[in-house]
Protein backbone atom coordinates (compact mmCIF):
# COMPACT_ATOMS: atom_id res chain seq x y z
CA UNK A 1 36.57 5.16 -41.70
CA UNK A 2 37.98 6.48 -38.41
CA UNK A 3 35.56 9.40 -38.50
CA UNK A 4 32.65 7.00 -38.93
CA UNK A 5 33.82 4.93 -35.98
CA UNK A 6 34.23 8.05 -33.86
CA UNK A 7 30.72 9.19 -34.80
CA UNK A 8 29.36 5.74 -33.97
CA UNK A 9 31.21 5.73 -30.65
CA UNK A 10 29.75 9.14 -29.83
CA UNK A 11 26.24 7.95 -30.69
CA UNK A 12 26.68 4.82 -28.57
CA UNK A 13 27.89 6.90 -25.63
CA UNK A 14 24.88 9.19 -25.95
CA UNK A 15 22.54 6.22 -26.24
CA UNK A 16 24.08 4.62 -23.17
CA UNK A 17 23.67 7.84 -21.22
CA UNK A 18 20.04 8.18 -22.25
CA UNK A 19 19.40 4.56 -21.31
CA UNK A 20 20.82 5.13 -17.81
CA UNK A 21 18.74 8.27 -17.43
CA UNK A 22 15.55 6.49 -18.51
CA UNK A 23 16.25 3.56 -16.18
CA UNK A 24 16.76 5.94 -13.27
CA UNK A 25 13.57 7.81 -14.11
CA UNK A 26 11.68 4.53 -14.46
CA UNK A 27 12.86 3.40 -11.03
CA UNK A 28 11.84 6.73 -9.53
CA UNK A 29 8.39 6.45 -11.13
CA UNK A 30 7.99 2.89 -9.83
CA UNK A 31 8.81 4.13 -6.33
CA UNK A 32 6.28 6.95 -6.65
CA UNK A 33 3.65 4.53 -7.93
CA UNK A 34 4.23 2.19 -4.99
CA UNK A 35 3.86 5.10 -2.56
CA UNK A 36 0.70 6.28 -4.30
CA UNK A 37 -0.76 2.77 -4.10
CA UNK A 38 -0.04 2.59 -0.37
CA UNK A 39 -1.71 5.96 0.13
CA UNK A 40 -4.67 4.89 -2.02
CA UNK A 41 -5.15 1.74 0.06
CA UNK A 42 -5.05 3.80 3.26
CA UNK A 43 -7.62 6.26 1.89
CA UNK A 44 -9.89 3.42 0.79
CA UNK A 45 -9.69 1.95 4.28
CA UNK A 46 -10.58 5.33 5.79
CA UNK A 47 -13.55 5.68 3.45
CA UNK A 48 -14.79 2.19 4.31
CA UNK A 49 -14.47 2.97 8.00
CA UNK A 50 -16.33 6.26 7.62
CA UNK A 51 -19.10 4.52 5.67
CA UNK A 52 -19.46 1.95 8.45
CA UNK A 53 -19.72 4.71 11.06
CA UNK A 54 -22.34 6.54 9.00
CA UNK A 55 -24.34 3.34 8.53
CA UNK A 56 -24.15 2.68 12.26
CA UNK A 57 -25.35 6.20 13.05
CA UNK A 58 -28.19 5.92 10.54
CA UNK A 59 -29.34 2.69 12.18
CA UNK A 60 -29.47 4.46 15.54
CA UNK A 61 -31.74 7.24 14.28
CA UNK A 62 -35.30 6.83 15.40
CA UNK A 63 -37.46 5.65 12.53
CA UNK A 64 -40.20 8.13 13.45
CA UNK A 65 -37.91 11.13 13.21
CA UNK A 66 -36.84 10.16 9.73
CA UNK A 67 -40.43 9.61 8.61
CA UNK A 68 -41.98 12.74 10.15
CA UNK A 69 -39.19 15.17 9.38
CA UNK A 70 -40.26 17.85 6.90
CA UNK A 71 -38.57 17.63 3.51
CA UNK A 72 -35.47 19.74 3.25
CA UNK A 73 -35.93 22.96 1.38
CA UNK A 74 -39.58 23.29 2.43
């Protein structure tokens, strides 16, 4: 009976240790995810800004130049 209780105590200690480890890892992953989301938002904002600049530059191109330009690769 004592041996069974000792074995159970050992298993509970191991389980508790694994639980702590998984909680720590989960918290670390949540922190990484939050950082990645912040970076993703910043990159999306940069892309949107670049697209606006490109659109603005395209609007400034003379219409004639775009129409009379030879096709690329010709």
